[in-house]
Amino acid sequence: MTRRPGAPTRGGTTRRARIHAVVAQIPRGRVASYGQIAGLAGLPGRARQVGYALAALPEATPVPWHRVVNARGEISTRARTGSEGAQRRLLEGEGVAFDSTGRIPMDRFRWRSGLL
């Protein structure tokens, strides 16, 4: 039997809840990659599932979704037009810098969770 994304797992928690819990730990001024979040949530190799979980968040969420970027330090494109600009503004407001190509220097701003 195949489990659908976001379905309850052992312990009664959902995959999305685990992803959201990890993302909630990213401090201001730091970023993490989708793959990093997947690994920390116990879902190694499921970076896309992280993207789906973050895309499903309500607009007024306290989860700092904007602190998750792709492995190259770039803001990933979204279905909703303009959200990339909002994400960049939020990150810059927290002191995260972008280089001339629009990338975040991950060696400088990557969150070191202590869990990996």
PDB file of N, CA and C in Angstrom:
ATOM      1  N   MET A   1       0.842  -1.175   0.000  1.00  0.00           N
ATOM      2  CA  MET A   1       0.000   0.000   0.000  1.00  0.00           C
ATOM      3  C   MET A   1       0.886   1.237   0.000  1.00  0.00           C
ATOM      4  N   THR A   2       0.587   2.189  -0.839  1.00  0.00           N
ATOM      5  CA  THR A   2       1.362   3.420  -0.935  1.00  0.00           C
ATOM      6  C   THR A   2       0.727   4.485  -0.063  1.00  0.00           C
ATOM      7  N   ARG A   3       1.562   5.150   0.699  1.00  0.00           N
ATOM      8  CA  ARG A   3       1.077   6.227   1.573  1.00  0.00           C
ATOM      9  C   ARG A   3       1.053   7.519   0.777  1.00  0.00           C
ATOM     10  N   ARG A   4      -0.032   8.283   0.865  1.00  0.00           N
ATOM     11  CA  ARG A   4      -0.123   9.553   0.147  1.00  0.00           C
ATOM     12  C   ARG A   4       0.701  10.612   0.875  1.00  0.00           C
ATOM     13  N   PRO A   5       1.243  11.630   0.148  1.00  0.00           N
ATOM     14  CA  PRO A   5       2.023  12.691   0.791  1.00  0.00           C
ATOM     15  C   PRO A   5       1.211  13.382   1.886  1.00  0.00           C
ATOM     16  N   GLY A   6       1.855  13.566   3.032  1.00  0.00           N
ATOM     17  CA  GLY A   6       1.194  14.253   4.132  1.00  0.00           C
ATOM     18  C   GLY A   6       0.333  13.335   4.982  1.00  0.00           C
ATOM     19  N   ALA A   7       0.263  12.036   4.617  1.00  0.00           N
ATOM     20  CA  ALA A   7      -0.549  11.107   5.397  1.00  0.00           C
ATOM     21  C   ALA A   7       0.103  10.856   6.751  1.00  0.00           C
ATOM     22  N   PRO A   8      -0.710  10.528   7.753  1.00  0.00           N
ATOM     23  CA  PRO A   8      -0.132  10.256   9.072  1.00  0.00           C
ATOM     24  C   PRO A   8       0.895   9.139   9.008  1.00  0.00           C
ATOM     25  N   THR A   9       1.942   9.293   9.771  1.00  0.00           N
ATOM     26  CA  THR A   9       2.990   8.286   9.869  1.00  0.00           C
ATOM     27  C   THR A   9       2.990   7.754  11.290  1.00  0.00           C
ATOM     28  N   ARG A  10       3.916   6.853  11.608  1.00  0.00           N
ATOM     29  CA  ARG A  10       3.988   6.327  12.972  1.00  0.00           C
ATOM     30  C   ARG A  10       4.088   7.465  13.967  1.00  0.00           C
ATOM     31  N   GLY A  11       3.453   7.304  15.096  1.00  0.00           N
ATOM     32  CA  GLY A  11       3.492   8.327  16.128  1.00  0.00           C
ATOM     33  C   GLY A  11       2.413   9.380  15.941  1.00  0.00           C
ATOM     34  N   GLY A  12       1.592   9.260  14.894  1.00  0.00           N
ATOM     35  CA  GLY A  12       0.482  10.175  14.700  1.00  0.00           C
ATOM     36  C   GLY A  12       0.849  11.514  14.075  1.00  0.00           C
ATOM     37  N   THR A  13       2.110  11.738  13.799  1.00  0.00           N
ATOM     38  CA  THR A  13       2.481  13.008  13.168  1.00  0.00           C
ATOM     39  C   THR A  13       2.498  12.833  11.662  1.00  0.00           C
ATOM     40  N   THR A  14       2.351  13.914  10.956  1.00  0.00           N
ATOM     41  CA  THR A  14       2.406  13.846   9.502  1.00  0.00           C
ATOM     42  C   THR A  14       3.786  14.252   9.030  1.00  0.00           C
ATOM     43  N   ARG A  15       4.092  13.903   7.818  1.00  0.00           N
ATOM     44  CA  ARG A  15       5.356  14.333   7.216  1.00  0.00           C
ATOM     45  C   ARG A  15       5.409  15.848   7.134  1.00  0.00           C
ATOM     46  N   ARG A  16       4.297  16.442   6.764  1.00  0.00           N
ATOM     47  CA  ARG A  16       4.261  17.905   6.680  1.00  0.00           C
ATOM     48  C   ARG A  16       4.542  18.534   8.038  1.00  0.00           C
ATOM     49  N   ALA A  17       3.977  17.984   9.080  1.00  0.00           N
ATOM     50  CA  ALA A  17       4.206  18.531  10.424  1.00  0.00           C
ATOM     51  C   ALA A  17       5.682  18.421  10.794  1.00  0.00           C
ATOM     52  N   ARG A  18       6.329  17.319  10.429  1.00  0.00           N
ATOM     53  CA  ARG A  18       7.764  17.166  10.713  1.00  0.00           C
ATOM     54  C   ARG A  18       8.566  18.198   9.936  1.00  0.00           C
ATOM     55  N   ILE A  19       8.208  18.406   8.677  1.00  0.00           N
ATOM     56  CA  ILE A  19       8.898  19.403   7.845  1.00  0.00           C
ATOM     57  C   ILE A  19       8.714  20.790   8.446  1.00  0.00           C
ATOM     58  N   HIS A  20       7.489  21.126   8.785  1.00  0.00           N
ATOM     59  CA  HIS A  20       7.203  22.448   9.365  1.00  0.00           C
ATOM     60  C   HIS A  20       7.949  22.648  10.671  1.00  0.00           C
ATOM     61  N   ALA A  21       8.052  21.602  11.486  1.00  0.00           N
ATOM     62  CA  ALA A  21       8.767  21.701  12.768  1.00  0.00           C
ATOM     63  C   ALA A  21      10.250  21.987  12.551  1.00  0.00           C
ATOM     64  N   VAL A  22      10.846  21.374  11.545  1.00  0.00           N
ATOM     65  CA  VAL A  22      12.264  21.631  11.258  1.00  0.00           C
ATOM     66  C   VAL A  22      12.441  23.053  10.738  1.00  0.00           C
ATOM     67  N   VAL A  23      11.610  23.463   9.803  1.00  0.00           N
ATOM     68  CA  VAL A  23      11.720  24.809   9.229  1.00  0.00           C
ATOM     69  C   VAL A  23      11.542  25.867  10.323  1.00  0.00           C
ATOM     70  N   ALA A  24      10.672  25.599  11.275  1.00  0.00           N
ATOM     71  CA  ALA A  24      10.425  26.552  12.364  1.00  0.00           C
ATOM     72  C   ALA A  24      11.668  26.801  13.214  1.00  0.00           C
ATOM     73  N   GLN A  25      12.631  25.907  13.152  1.00  0.00           N
ATOM     74  CA  GLN A  25      13.861  26.046  13.942  1.00  0.00           C
ATOM     75  C   GLN A  25      14.933  26.901  13.266  1.00  0.00           C
ATOM     76  N   ILE A  26      14.782  27.198  11.995  1.00  0.00           N
ATOM     77  CA  ILE A  26      15.800  27.980  11.282  1.00  0.00           C
ATOM     78  C   ILE A  26      15.800  29.398  11.852  1.00  0.00           C
ATOM     79  N   PRO A  27      16.934  29.846  12.383  1.00  0.00           N
ATOM     80  CA  PRO A  27      16.958  31.190  12.977  1.00  0.00           C
ATOM     81  C   PRO A  27      17.002  32.299  11.932  1.00  0.00           C
ATOM     82  N   ARG A  28      16.609  33.489  12.369  1.00  0.00           N
ATOM     83  CA  ARG A  28      16.702  34.684  11.511  1.00  0.00           C
ATOM     84  C   ARG A  28      18.117  34.808  10.969  1.00  0.00           C
ATOM     85  N   GLY A  29      18.209  35.225   9.715  1.00  0.00           N
ATOM     86  CA  GLY A  29      19.516  35.451   9.111  1.00  0.00           C
ATOM     87  C   GLY A  29      20.211  34.201   8.610  1.00  0.00           C
ATOM     88  N   ARG A  30      19.529  33.064   8.663  1.00  0.00           N
ATOM     89  CA  ARG A  30      20.078  31.791   8.178  1.00  0.00           C
ATOM     90  C   ARG A  30      19.108  31.181   7.183  1.00  0.00           C
ATOM     91  N   VAL A  31      19.637  30.328   6.316  1.00  0.00           N
ATOM     92  CA  VAL A  31      18.808  29.614   5.347  1.00  0.00           C
ATOM     93  C   VAL A  31      19.186  28.142   5.355  1.00  0.00           C
ATOM     94  N   ALA A  32      18.297  27.326   4.835  1.00  0.00           N
ATOM     95  CA  ALA A  32      18.546  25.896   4.681  1.00  0.00           C
ATOM     96  C   ALA A  32      18.050  25.485   3.305  1.00  0.00           C
ATOM     97  N   SER A  33      18.593  24.407   2.797  1.00  0.00           N
ATOM     98  CA  SER A  33      18.144  23.912   1.497  1.00  0.00           C
ATOM     99  C   SER A  33      16.987  22.932   1.693  1.00  0.00           C
ATOM    100  N   TYR A  34      16.233  22.729   0.628  1.00  0.00           N
ATOM    101  CA  TYR A  34      15.133  21.777   0.672  1.00  0.00           C
ATOM    102  C   TYR A  34      15.637  20.387   1.067  1.00  0.00           C
ATOM    103  N   GLY A  35      16.769  19.987   0.506  1.00  0.00           N
ATOM    104  CA  GLY A  35      17.332  18.680   0.831  1.00  0.00           C
ATOM    105  C   GLY A  35      17.776  18.581   2.278  1.00  0.00           C
ATOM    106  N   GLN A  36      18.337  19.651   2.799  1.00  0.00           N
ATOM    107  CA  GLN A  36      18.755  19.685   4.194  1.00  0.00           C
ATOM    108  C   GLN A  36      17.538  19.502   5.109  1.00  0.00           C
ATOM    109  N   ILE A  37      16.454  20.196   4.804  1.00  0.00           N
ATOM    110  CA  ILE A  37      15.232  20.082   5.596  1.00  0.00           C
ATOM    111  C   ILE A  37      14.681  18.658   5.505  1.00  0.00           C
ATOM    112  N   ALA A  38      14.666  18.089   4.310  1.00  0.00           N
ATOM    113  CA  ALA A  38      14.173  16.721   4.139  1.00  0.00           C
ATOM    114  C   ALA A  38      14.960  15.748   5.016  1.00  0.00           C
ATOM    115  N   GLY A  39      16.284  15.876   4.999  1.00  0.00           N
ATOM    116  CA  GLY A  39      17.107  14.993   5.819  1.00  0.00           C
ATOM    117  C   GLY A  39      16.832  15.142   7.302  1.00  0.00           C
ATOM    118  N   LEU A  40      16.714  16.371   7.750  1.00  0.00           N
ATOM    119  CA  LEU A  40      16.457  16.630   9.169  1.00  0.00           C
ATOM    120  C   LEU A  40      15.067  16.164   9.596  1.00  0.00           C
ATOM    121  N   ALA A  41      14.127  16.138   8.652  1.00  0.00           N
ATOM    122  CA  ALA A  41      12.766  15.690   8.955  1.00  0.00           C
ATOM    123  C   ALA A  41      12.619  14.174   8.828  1.00  0.00           C
ATOM    124  N   GLY A  42      13.734  13.492   8.551  1.00  0.00           N
ATOM    125  CA  GLY A  42      13.682  12.042   8.407  1.00  0.00           C
ATOM    126  C   GLY A  42      13.180  11.590   7.060  1.00  0.00           C
ATOM    127  N   LEU A  43      13.326  12.456   6.061  1.00  0.00           N
ATOM    128  CA  LEU A  43      12.862  12.159   4.707  1.00  0.00           C
ATOM    129  C   LEU A  43      13.982  12.355   3.694  1.00  0.00           C
ATOM    130  N   PRO A  44      15.129  11.696   3.884  1.00  0.00           N
ATOM    131  CA  PRO A  44      16.260  11.931   2.978  1.00  0.00           C
ATOM    132  C   PRO A  44      15.881  11.653   1.526  1.00  0.00           C
ATOM    133  N   GLY A  45      16.356  12.530   0.642  1.00  0.00           N
ATOM    134  CA  GLY A  45      16.084  12.377  -0.781  1.00  0.00           C
ATOM    135  C   GLY A  45      14.720  12.885  -1.207  1.00  0.00           C
ATOM    136  N   ARG A  46      14.000  13.510  -0.314  1.00  0.00           N
ATOM    137  CA  ARG A  46      12.647  13.975  -0.641  1.00  0.00           C
ATOM    138  C   ARG A  46      12.532  15.497  -0.569  1.00  0.00           C
ATOM    139  N   ALA A  47      13.476  16.181  -1.194  1.00  0.00           N
ATOM    140  CA  ALA A  47      13.476  17.642  -1.208  1.00  0.00           C
ATOM    141  C   ALA A  47      12.195  18.200  -1.821  1.00  0.00           C
ATOM    142  N   ARG A  48      11.693  17.557  -2.844  1.00  0.00           N
ATOM    143  CA  ARG A  48      10.457  18.054  -3.475  1.00  0.00           C
ATOM    144  C   ARG A  48       9.286  18.009  -2.510  1.00  0.00           C
ATOM    145  N   GLN A  49       9.259  17.002  -1.664  1.00  0.00           N
ATOM    146  CA  GLN A  49       8.180  16.903  -0.687  1.00  0.00           C
ATOM    147  C   GLN A  49       8.226  18.099   0.262  1.00  0.00           C
ATOM    148  N   VAL A  50       9.430  18.581   0.576  1.00  0.00           N
ATOM    149  CA  VAL A  50       9.569  19.789   1.395  1.00  0.00           C
ATOM    150  C   VAL A  50       8.939  20.965   0.666  1.00  0.00           C
ATOM    151  N   GLY A  51       9.225  21.094  -0.615  1.00  0.00           N
ATOM    152  CA  GLY A  51       8.643  22.169  -1.406  1.00  0.00           C
ATOM    153  C   GLY A  51       7.129  22.118  -1.420  1.00  0.00           C
ATOM    154  N   TYR A  52       6.573  20.921  -1.573  1.00  0.00           N
ATOM    155  CA  TYR A  52       5.113  20.776  -1.572  1.00  0.00           C
ATOM    156  C   TYR A  52       4.530  21.158  -0.212  1.00  0.00           C
ATOM    157  N   ALA A  53       5.203  20.740   0.860  1.00  0.00           N
ATOM    158  CA  ALA A  53       4.708  21.048   2.212  1.00  0.00           C
ATOM    159  C   ALA A  53       4.728  22.546   2.474  1.00  0.00           C
ATOM    160  N   LEU A  54       5.769  23.223   1.998  1.00  0.00           N
ATOM    161  CA  LEU A  54       5.851  24.670   2.215  1.00  0.00           C
ATOM    162  C   LEU A  54       4.859  25.413   1.329  1.00  0.00           C
ATOM    163  N   ALA A  55       4.641  24.925   0.133  1.00  0.00           N
ATOM    164  CA  ALA A  55       3.686  25.567  -0.773  1.00  0.00           C
ATOM    165  C   ALA A  55       2.253  25.470  -0.239  1.00  0.00           C
ATOM    166  N   ALA A  56       1.986  24.464   0.564  1.00  0.00           N
ATOM    167  CA  ALA A  56       0.636  24.260   1.101  1.00  0.00           C
ATOM    168  C   ALA A  56       0.362  25.084   2.365  1.00  0.00           C
ATOM    169  N   LEU A  57       1.366  25.792   2.864  1.00  0.00           N
ATOM    170  CA  LEU A  57       1.164  26.605   4.066  1.00  0.00           C
ATOM    171  C   LEU A  57       0.174  27.734   3.797  1.00  0.00           C
ATOM    172  N   PRO A  58      -0.635  28.076   4.795  1.00  0.00           N
ATOM    173  CA  PRO A  58      -1.529  29.225   4.614  1.00  0.00           C
ATOM    174  C   PRO A  58      -0.724  30.517   4.558  1.00  0.00           C
ATOM    175  N   GLU A  59      -1.292  31.541   3.988  1.00  0.00           N
ATOM    176  CA  GLU A  59      -0.573  32.799   3.788  1.00  0.00           C
ATOM    177  C   GLU A  59      -0.062  33.431   5.088  1.00  0.00           C
ATOM    178  N   ALA A  60      -0.817  33.353   6.142  1.00  0.00           N
ATOM    179  CA  ALA A  60      -0.429  33.992   7.412  1.00  0.00           C
ATOM    180  C   ALA A  60       0.237  33.006   8.373  1.00  0.00           C
ATOM    181  N   THR A  61       1.074  32.146   7.861  1.00  0.00           N
ATOM    182  CA  THR A  61       1.718  31.128   8.686  1.00  0.00           C
ATOM    183  C   THR A  61       2.880  31.688   9.512  1.00  0.00           C
ATOM    184  N   PRO A  62       3.085  31.153  10.710  1.00  0.00           N
ATOM    185  CA  PRO A  62       4.266  31.549  11.480  1.00  0.00           C
ATOM    186  C   PRO A  62       5.519  30.770  11.060  1.00  0.00           C
ATOM    187  N   VAL A  63       5.366  29.745  10.219  1.00  0.00           N
ATOM    188  CA  VAL A  63       6.508  28.946   9.757  1.00  0.00           C
ATOM    189  C   VAL A  63       7.342  29.799   8.807  1.00  0.00           C
ATOM    190  N   PRO A  64       8.639  29.959   9.082  1.00  0.00           N
ATOM    191  CA  PRO A  64       9.485  30.824   8.245  1.00  0.00           C
ATOM    192  C   PRO A  64       9.895  30.165   6.923  1.00  0.00           C
ATOM    193  N   TRP A  65       8.929  29.921   6.076  1.00  0.00           N
ATOM    194  CA  TRP A  65       9.124  29.253   4.784  1.00  0.00           C
ATOM    195  C   TRP A  65      10.172  29.959   3.934  1.00  0.00           C
ATOM    196  N   HIS A  66      10.293  31.270   4.098  1.00  0.00           N
ATOM    197  CA  HIS A  66      11.189  32.064   3.259  1.00  0.00           C
ATOM    198  C   HIS A  66      12.659  31.732   3.501  1.00  0.00           C
ATOM    199  N   ARG A  67      12.965  31.026   4.571  1.00  0.00           N
ATOM    200  CA  ARG A  67      14.351  30.671   4.887  1.00  0.00           C
ATOM    201  C   ARG A  67      14.805  29.383   4.210  1.00  0.00           C
ATOM    202  N   VAL A  68      13.981  28.827   3.344  1.00  0.00           N
ATOM    203  CA  VAL A  68      14.332  27.605   2.617  1.00  0.00           C
ATOM    204  C   VAL A  68      14.563  27.960   1.154  1.00  0.00           C
ATOM    205  N   VAL A  69      15.744  27.606   0.667  1.00  0.00           N
ATOM    206  CA  VAL A  69      16.156  27.899  -0.708  1.00  0.00           C
ATOM    207  C   VAL A  69      16.706  26.626  -1.342  1.00  0.00           C
ATOM    208  N   ASN A  70      17.011  26.684  -2.632  1.00  0.00           N
ATOM    209  CA  ASN A  70      17.543  25.475  -3.258  1.00  0.00           C
ATOM    210  C   ASN A  70      19.021  25.289  -2.917  1.00  0.00           C
ATOM    211  N   ALA A  71      19.572  24.158  -3.290  1.00  0.00           N
ATOM    212  CA  ALA A  71      20.939  23.797  -2.912  1.00  0.00           C
ATOM    213  C   ALA A  71      21.993  24.750  -3.464  1.00  0.00           C
ATOM    214  N   ARG A  72      21.659  25.477  -4.523  1.00  0.00           N
ATOM    215  CA  ARG A  72      22.596  26.443  -5.109  1.00  0.00           C
ATOM    216  C   ARG A  72      22.519  27.800  -4.409  1.00  0.00           C
ATOM    217  N   GLY A  73      21.634  27.913  -3.411  1.00  0.00           N
ATOM    218  CA  GLY A  73      21.473  29.186  -2.715  1.00  0.00           C
ATOM    219  C   GLY A  73      20.570  30.144  -3.454  1.00  0.00           C
ATOM    220  N   GLU A  74      19.739  29.609  -4.331  1.00  0.00           N
ATOM    221  CA  GLU A  74      18.824  30.441  -5.120  1.00  0.00           C
ATOM    222  C   GLU A  74      17.396  30.285  -4.615  1.00  0.00           C
ATOM    223  N   ILE A  75      16.625  31.310  -4.815  1.00  0.00           N
ATOM    224  CA  ILE A  75      15.197  31.241  -4.528  1.00  0.00           C
ATOM    225  C   ILE A  75      14.547  30.500  -5.686  1.00  0.00           C
ATOM    226  N   SER A  76      13.803  29.468  -5.362  1.00  0.00           N
ATOM    227  CA  SER A  76      13.142  28.679  -6.404  1.00  0.00           C
ATOM    228  C   SER A  76      11.910  29.405  -6.915  1.00  0.00           C
ATOM    229  N   THR A  77      11.617  29.212  -8.193  1.00  0.00           N
ATOM    230  CA  THR A  77      10.441  29.851  -8.779  1.00  0.00           C
ATOM    231  C   THR A  77       9.176  29.239  -8.186  1.00  0.00           C
ATOM    232  N   ARG A  78       8.135  30.019  -8.139  1.00  0.00           N
ATOM    233  CA  ARG A  78       6.869  29.611  -7.548  1.00  0.00           C
ATOM    234  C   ARG A  78       5.751  29.707  -8.582  1.00  0.00           C
ATOM    235  N   ALA A  79       4.677  29.018  -8.290  1.00  0.00           N
ATOM    236  CA  ALA A  79       3.498  29.090  -9.151  1.00  0.00           C
ATOM    237  C   ALA A  79       2.862  30.470  -9.042  1.00  0.00           C
ATOM    238  N   ARG A  80       2.913  31.040  -7.836  1.00  0.00           N
ATOM    239  CA  ARG A  80       2.315  32.359  -7.601  1.00  0.00           C
ATOM    240  C   ARG A  80       3.325  33.441  -7.996  1.00  0.00           C
ATOM    241  N   THR A  81       2.989  34.247  -8.957  1.00  0.00           N
ATOM    242  CA  THR A  81       3.868  35.298  -9.456  1.00  0.00           C
ATOM    243  C   THR A  81       4.186  36.313  -8.363  1.00  0.00           C
ATOM    244  N   GLY A  82       5.459  36.695  -8.282  1.00  0.00           N
ATOM    245  CA  GLY A  82       5.871  37.731  -7.339  1.00  0.00           C
ATOM    246  C   GLY A  82       6.327  37.234  -5.989  1.00  0.00           C
ATOM    247  N   SER A  83       6.087  35.964  -5.674  1.00  0.00           N
ATOM    248  CA  SER A  83       6.459  35.481  -4.345  1.00  0.00           C
ATOM    249  C   SER A  83       7.973  35.372  -4.183  1.00  0.00           C
ATOM    250  N   GLU A  84       8.699  35.225  -5.305  1.00  0.00           N
ATOM    251  CA  GLU A  84      10.162  35.172  -5.212  1.00  0.00           C
ATOM    252  C   GLU A  84      10.703  36.502  -4.696  1.00  0.00           C
ATOM    253  N   GLY A  85      10.137  37.606  -5.180  1.00  0.00           N
ATOM    254  CA  GLY A  85      10.565  38.928  -4.719  1.00  0.00           C
ATOM    255  C   GLY A  85      10.267  39.128  -3.243  1.00  0.00           C
ATOM    256  N   ALA A  86       9.113  38.644  -2.809  1.00  0.00           N
ATOM    257  CA  ALA A  86       8.750  38.748  -1.392  1.00  0.00           C
ATOM    258  C   ALA A  86       9.724  37.943  -0.542  1.00  0.00           C
ATOM    259  N   GLN A  87      10.092  36.764  -1.004  1.00  0.00           N
ATOM    260  CA  GLN A  87      11.029  35.931  -0.260  1.00  0.00           C
ATOM    261  C   GLN A  87      12.383  36.624  -0.151  1.00  0.00           C
ATOM    262  N   ARG A  88      12.843  37.199  -1.235  1.00  0.00           N
ATOM    263  CA  ARG A  88      14.127  37.900  -1.200  1.00  0.00           C
ATOM    264  C   ARG A  88      14.076  39.079  -0.236  1.00  0.00           C
ATOM    265  N   ARG A  89      13.000  39.851  -0.270  1.00  0.00           N
ATOM    266  CA  ARG A  89      12.872  40.991   0.647  1.00  0.00           C
ATOM    267  C   ARG A  89      12.882  40.542   2.105  1.00  0.00           C
ATOM    268  N   LEU A  90      12.183  39.459   2.404  1.00  0.00           N
ATOM    269  CA  LEU A  90      12.162  38.937   3.775  1.00  0.00           C
ATOM    270  C   LEU A  90      13.560  38.522   4.219  1.00  0.00           C
ATOM    271  N   LEU A  91      14.276  37.826   3.342  1.00  0.00           N
ATOM    272  CA  LEU A  91      15.630  37.384   3.680  1.00  0.00           C
ATOM    273  C   LEU A  91      16.577  38.562   3.850  1.00  0.00           C
ATOM    274  N   GLU A  92      16.518  39.513   2.936  1.00  0.00           N
ATOM    275  CA  GLU A  92      17.377  40.689   3.053  1.00  0.00           C
ATOM    276  C   GLU A  92      17.073  41.465   4.336  1.00  0.00           C
ATOM    277  N   GLY A  93      15.809  41.496   4.730  1.00  0.00           N
ATOM    278  CA  GLY A  93      15.417  42.152   5.964  1.00  0.00           C
ATOM    279  C   GLY A  93      16.004  41.480   7.199  1.00  0.00           C
ATOM    280  N   GLU A  94      16.386  40.228   7.055  1.00  0.00           N
ATOM    281  CA  GLU A  94      17.018  39.481   8.148  1.00  0.00           C
ATOM    282  C   GLU A  94      18.543  39.505   8.044  1.00  0.00           C
ATOM    283  N   GLY A  95      19.064  40.217   7.050  1.00  0.00           N
ATOM    284  CA  GLY A  95      20.510  40.325   6.903  1.00  0.00           C
ATOM    285  C   GLY A  95      21.146  39.319   5.973  1.00  0.00           C
ATOM    286  N   VAL A  96      20.350  38.510   5.278  1.00  0.00           N
ATOM    287  CA  VAL A  96      20.890  37.543   4.323  1.00  0.00           C
ATOM    288  C   VAL A  96      21.259  38.299   3.055  1.00  0.00           C
ATOM    289  N   ALA A  97      22.486  38.091   2.577  1.00  0.00           N
ATOM    290  CA  ALA A  97      22.987  38.791   1.396  1.00  0.00           C
ATOM    291  C   ALA A  97      22.888  37.905   0.151  1.00  0.00           C
ATOM    292  N   PHE A  98      22.746  38.561  -0.971  1.00  0.00           N
ATOM    293  CA  PHE A  98      22.729  37.892  -2.271  1.00  0.00           C
ATOM    294  C   PHE A  98      23.909  38.409  -3.074  1.00  0.00           C
ATOM    295  N   ASP A  99      24.528  37.533  -3.876  1.00  0.00           N
ATOM    296  CA  ASP A  99      25.621  37.999  -4.722  1.00  0.00           C
ATOM    297  C   ASP A  99      25.059  38.578  -6.018  1.00  0.00           C
ATOM    298  N   SER A 100      25.934  38.957  -6.919  1.00  0.00           N
ATOM    299  CA  SER A 100      25.509  39.617  -8.162  1.00  0.00           C
ATOM    300  C   SER A 100      24.701  38.701  -9.084  1.00  0.00           C
ATOM    301  N   THR A 101      24.758  37.388  -8.859  1.00  0.00           N
ATOM    302  CA  THR A 101      23.976  36.456  -9.678  1.00  0.00           C
ATOM    303  C   THR A 101      22.662  36.068  -9.008  1.00  0.00           C
ATOM    304  N   GLY A 102      22.367  36.661  -7.845  1.00  0.00           N
ATOM    305  CA  GLY A 102      21.126  36.363  -7.143  1.00  0.00           C
ATOM    306  C   GLY A 102      21.192  35.170  -6.229  1.00  0.00           C
ATOM    307  N   ARG A 103      22.406  34.709  -5.947  1.00  0.00           N
ATOM    308  CA  ARG A 103      22.577  33.558  -5.063  1.00  0.00           C
ATOM    309  C   ARG A 103      22.989  33.989  -3.663  1.00  0.00           C
ATOM    310  N   ILE A 104      22.599  33.186  -2.710  1.00  0.00           N
ATOM    311  CA  ILE A 104      23.013  33.383  -1.321  1.00  0.00           C
ATOM    312  C   ILE A 104      24.280  32.568  -1.113  1.00  0.00           C
ATOM    313  N   PRO A 105      25.340  33.168  -0.568  1.00  0.00           N
ATOM    314  CA  PRO A 105      26.548  32.387  -0.266  1.00  0.00           C
ATOM    315  C   PRO A 105      26.236  31.388   0.863  1.00  0.00           C
ATOM    316  N   MET A 106      25.983  30.141   0.489  1.00  0.00           N
ATOM    317  CA  MET A 106      25.561  29.141   1.458  1.00  0.00           C
ATOM    318  C   MET A 106      26.625  28.863   2.519  1.00  0.00           C
ATOM    319  N   ASP A 107      27.899  28.999   2.159  1.00  0.00           N
ATOM    320  CA  ASP A 107      28.947  28.771   3.156  1.00  0.00           C
ATOM    321  C   ASP A 107      28.867  29.792   4.290  1.00  0.00           C
ATOM    322  N   ARG A 108      28.284  30.926   4.017  1.00  0.00           N
ATOM    323  CA  ARG A 108      28.163  31.992   5.017  1.00  0.00           C
ATOM    324  C   ARG A 108      26.817  31.996   5.741  1.00  0.00           C
ATOM    325  N   PHE A 109      25.737  31.661   5.036  1.00  0.00           N
ATOM    326  CA  PHE A 109      24.395  31.810   5.607  1.00  0.00           C
ATOM    327  C   PHE A 109      23.656  30.504   5.885  1.00  0.00           C
ATOM    328  N   ARG A 110      24.268  29.355   5.548  1.00  0.00           N
ATOM    329  CA  ARG A 110      23.586  28.074   5.795  1.00  0.00           C
ATOM    330  C   ARG A 110      23.413  27.846   7.293  1.00  0.00           C
ATOM    331  N   TRP A 111      22.232  27.400   7.656  1.00  0.00           N
ATOM    332  CA  TRP A 111      21.930  27.037   9.042  1.00  0.00           C
ATOM    333  C   TRP A 111      22.643  25.733   9.371  1.00  0.00           C
ATOM    334  N   ARG A 112      23.373  25.753  10.449  1.00  0.00           N
ATOM    335  CA  ARG A 112      24.046  24.543  10.959  1.00  0.00           C
ATOM    336  C   ARG A 112      23.213  24.052  12.133  1.00  0.00           C
ATOM    337  N   SER A 113      22.350  23.118  11.871  1.00  0.00           N
ATOM    338  CA  SER A 113      21.355  22.695  12.852  1.00  0.00           C
ATOM    339  C   SER A 113      21.912  21.928  14.028  1.00  0.00           C
ATOM    340  N   GLY A 114      23.040  21.277  13.847  1.00  0.00           N
ATOM    341  CA  GLY A 114      23.556  20.422  14.907  1.00  0.00           C
ATOM    342  C   GLY A 114      22.912  19.036  14.890  1.00  0.00           C
ATOM    343  N   LEU A 115      21.905  18.840  14.040  1.00  0.00           N
ATOM    344  CA  LEU A 115      21.224  17.567  13.967  1.00  0.00           C
ATOM    345  C   LEU A 115      21.818  16.631  12.917  1.00  0.00           C
ATOM    346  N   LEU A 116      22.519  17.196  11.940  1.00  0.00           N
ATOM    347  CA  LEU A 116      23.121  16.347  10.900  1.00  0.00           C
ATOM    348  C   LEU A 116      24.571  16.100  11.183  1.00  0.00           C
TER     349      LEU A 116
END
